[in-house]
Amino acid sequence: MNNKRFYKLEEGKMIAGVCGGVAEYFNVDPTIIRVAWALLALGCGTGLILYIICAIVFPRKSEVI
């Protein structure tokens, strides 16, 4: 069983570390996630709300491991 979890990164974070944690979960470059999140925020406005919710809900990586 794979125990992958979403979390916020503390190293290399830009704002809250959410995009870095999501990128590590999906094993992609964090820049791709940041651009996608920015497009969501600019396109339909839900990206900003979703980011704030994730920043509150996701635990820090040090709390998970």
N, C-alpha and C. Protein backbone atom coordinates (compact mmCIF):
# COMPACT_ATOMS: atom_id res chain seq x y z
N MET A 1 0.84 -1.18 0.00
CA MET A 1 0.00 0.00 0.00
C MET A 1 0.88 1.24 0.00
N ASN A 2 0.50 2.21 -0.79
CA ASN A 2 1.27 3.44 -0.91
C ASN A 2 0.74 4.47 0.09
N ASN A 3 1.61 4.97 0.95
CA ASN A 3 1.21 5.93 1.98
C ASN A 3 1.55 7.36 1.59
N LYS A 4 1.22 7.75 0.35
CA LYS A 4 1.47 9.11 -0.08
C LYS A 4 0.43 10.04 0.56
N ARG A 5 0.91 11.21 1.00
CA ARG A 5 0.02 12.20 1.61
C ARG A 5 0.38 13.58 1.11
N PHE A 6 -0.59 14.45 1.12
CA PHE A 6 -0.35 15.85 0.80
C PHE A 6 0.19 16.55 2.04
N TYR A 7 1.14 17.45 1.86
CA TYR A 7 1.67 18.25 2.94
C TYR A 7 2.31 19.50 2.37
N LYS A 8 2.66 20.43 3.25
CA LYS A 8 3.34 21.66 2.85
C LYS A 8 4.84 21.48 3.05
N LEU A 9 5.61 21.95 2.10
CA LEU A 9 7.07 21.91 2.24
C LEU A 9 7.55 23.13 3.01
N GLU A 10 8.61 22.95 3.75
CA GLU A 10 9.20 24.07 4.49
C GLU A 10 10.42 24.63 3.78
N GLU A 11 11.09 23.78 2.98
CA GLU A 11 12.27 24.23 2.23
C GLU A 11 11.86 24.57 0.80
N GLY A 12 12.32 25.69 0.31
CA GLY A 12 12.05 26.07 -1.07
C GLY A 12 10.64 26.58 -1.31
N LYS A 13 9.95 26.94 -0.24
CA LYS A 13 8.58 27.42 -0.41
C LYS A 13 8.57 28.87 -0.87
N MET A 14 7.54 29.24 -1.60
CA MET A 14 7.39 30.61 -2.06
C MET A 14 6.44 31.37 -1.12
N ILE A 15 5.28 30.82 -0.86
CA ILE A 15 4.32 31.48 0.04
C ILE A 15 4.06 30.59 1.25
N ALA A 16 3.33 29.50 1.05
CA ALA A 16 3.02 28.62 2.18
C ALA A 16 3.58 27.22 1.99
N GLY A 17 4.12 26.90 0.82
CA GLY A 17 4.68 25.58 0.57
C GLY A 17 3.71 24.57 0.02
N VAL A 18 2.50 25.00 -0.29
CA VAL A 18 1.47 24.10 -0.79
C VAL A 18 1.84 23.54 -2.16
N CYS A 19 2.25 24.40 -3.08
CA CYS A 19 2.57 23.95 -4.44
C CYS A 19 3.75 22.98 -4.43
N GLY A 20 4.72 23.21 -3.60
CA GLY A 20 5.85 22.30 -3.49
C GLY A 20 5.44 20.94 -2.99
N GLY A 21 4.53 20.91 -2.02
CA GLY A 21 4.03 19.65 -1.50
C GLY A 21 3.20 18.89 -2.52
N VAL A 22 2.36 19.60 -3.26
CA VAL A 22 1.55 18.97 -4.31
C VAL A 22 2.46 18.44 -5.41
N ALA A 23 3.48 19.22 -5.77
CA ALA A 23 4.42 18.79 -6.81
C ALA A 23 5.18 17.54 -6.38
N GLU A 24 5.57 17.47 -5.13
CA GLU A 24 6.27 16.28 -4.64
C GLU A 24 5.33 15.07 -4.61
N TYR A 25 4.07 15.29 -4.31
CA TYR A 25 3.10 14.20 -4.30
C TYR A 25 2.94 13.59 -5.69
N PHE A 26 2.83 14.45 -6.72
CA PHE A 26 2.66 14.00 -8.10
C PHE A 26 3.99 13.79 -8.83
N ASN A 27 5.11 14.05 -8.15
CA ASN A 27 6.44 13.85 -8.71
C ASN A 27 6.66 14.67 -9.99
N VAL A 28 6.33 15.96 -9.92
CA VAL A 28 6.55 16.89 -11.03
C VAL A 28 7.29 18.12 -10.50
N ASP A 29 7.70 18.97 -11.42
CA ASP A 29 8.40 20.20 -11.06
C ASP A 29 7.43 21.17 -10.37
N PRO A 30 7.83 21.78 -9.26
CA PRO A 30 6.93 22.73 -8.57
C PRO A 30 6.53 23.92 -9.43
N THR A 31 7.35 24.29 -10.39
CA THR A 31 7.01 25.43 -11.25
C THR A 31 5.76 25.13 -12.07
N ILE A 32 5.60 23.90 -12.51
CA ILE A 32 4.41 23.52 -13.27
C ILE A 32 3.16 23.67 -12.42
N ILE A 33 3.24 23.25 -11.17
CA ILE A 33 2.10 23.37 -10.26
C ILE A 33 1.82 24.84 -9.97
N ARG A 34 2.85 25.64 -9.78
CA ARG A 34 2.65 27.07 -9.50
C ARG A 34 1.98 27.77 -10.67
N VAL A 35 2.40 27.45 -11.89
CA VAL A 35 1.79 28.07 -13.07
C VAL A 35 0.33 27.63 -13.20
N ALA A 36 0.07 26.34 -12.99
CA ALA A 36 -1.30 25.85 -13.07
C ALA A 36 -2.18 26.52 -12.02
N TRP A 37 -1.64 26.68 -10.81
CA TRP A 37 -2.41 27.32 -9.73
C TRP A 37 -2.67 28.79 -10.05
N ALA A 38 -1.68 29.46 -10.62
CA ALA A 38 -1.87 30.86 -11.00
C ALA A 38 -2.92 31.00 -12.09
N LEU A 39 -2.93 30.08 -13.05
CA LEU A 39 -3.95 30.11 -14.10
C LEU A 39 -5.34 29.87 -13.52
N LEU A 40 -5.44 28.97 -12.54
CA LEU A 40 -6.72 28.77 -11.86
C LEU A 40 -7.17 30.03 -11.14
N ALA A 41 -6.23 30.69 -10.49
CA ALA A 41 -6.57 31.90 -9.73
C ALA A 41 -6.99 33.03 -10.67
N LEU A 42 -6.28 33.18 -11.78
CA LEU A 42 -6.60 34.27 -12.72
C LEU A 42 -7.81 33.94 -13.58
N GLY A 43 -7.96 32.68 -13.93
CA GLY A 43 -9.03 32.27 -14.84
C GLY A 43 -10.41 32.30 -14.21
N CYS A 44 -10.57 31.60 -13.14
CA CYS A 44 -11.91 31.51 -12.56
C CYS A 44 -11.96 31.94 -11.09
N GLY A 45 -10.83 32.30 -10.51
CA GLY A 45 -10.82 32.81 -9.15
C GLY A 45 -10.84 31.76 -8.06
N THR A 46 -11.08 30.51 -8.42
CA THR A 46 -11.14 29.47 -7.40
C THR A 46 -9.76 29.05 -6.91
N GLY A 47 -8.74 29.33 -7.69
CA GLY A 47 -7.39 28.93 -7.31
C GLY A 47 -6.93 29.58 -6.02
N LEU A 48 -7.24 30.84 -5.83
CA LEU A 48 -6.84 31.56 -4.61
C LEU A 48 -7.55 30.99 -3.39
N ILE A 49 -8.84 30.75 -3.52
CA ILE A 49 -9.60 30.19 -2.40
C ILE A 49 -9.11 28.79 -2.08
N LEU A 50 -8.87 27.99 -3.12
CA LEU A 50 -8.37 26.63 -2.92
C LEU A 50 -6.99 26.63 -2.28
N TYR A 51 -6.12 27.56 -2.68
CA TYR A 51 -4.78 27.65 -2.09
C TYR A 51 -4.86 27.99 -0.61
N ILE A 52 -5.71 28.92 -0.25
CA ILE A 52 -5.85 29.31 1.15
C ILE A 52 -6.37 28.13 1.98
N ILE A 53 -7.34 27.40 1.45
CA ILE A 53 -7.87 26.24 2.16
C ILE A 53 -6.78 25.19 2.34
N CYS A 54 -6.01 24.93 1.28
CA CYS A 54 -4.93 23.94 1.37
C CYS A 54 -3.85 24.39 2.35
N ALA A 55 -3.55 25.68 2.38
CA ALA A 55 -2.54 26.19 3.30
C ALA A 55 -2.96 26.00 4.75
N ILE A 56 -4.25 26.04 4.99
CA ILE A 56 -4.76 25.85 6.35
C ILE A 56 -4.86 24.36 6.71
N VAL A 57 -5.29 23.54 5.76
CA VAL A 57 -5.60 22.14 6.04
C VAL A 57 -4.37 21.23 5.97
N PHE A 58 -3.49 21.44 4.98
CA PHE A 58 -2.35 20.55 4.81
C PHE A 58 -1.38 20.69 5.98
N PRO A 59 -0.90 19.58 6.52
CA PRO A 59 0.11 19.66 7.59
C PRO A 59 1.49 19.94 6.99
N ARG A 60 2.40 20.41 7.83
CA ARG A 60 3.78 20.59 7.38
C ARG A 60 4.44 19.23 7.24
N LYS A 61 5.45 19.13 6.39
CA LYS A 61 6.12 17.85 6.15
C LYS A 61 6.73 17.30 7.44
N SER A 62 7.26 18.19 8.28
CA SER A 62 7.88 17.74 9.53
C SER A 62 6.85 17.14 10.49
N GLU A 63 5.59 17.51 10.35
CA GLU A 63 4.54 16.96 11.20
C GLU A 63 4.10 15.59 10.72
N VAL A 64 4.25 15.32 9.41
CA VAL A 64 3.79 14.07 8.82
C VAL A 64 4.81 12.96 9.05
N ILE A 65 6.07 13.28 8.89
CA ILE A 65 7.13 12.26 8.97
C ILE A 65 7.66 12.12 10.37
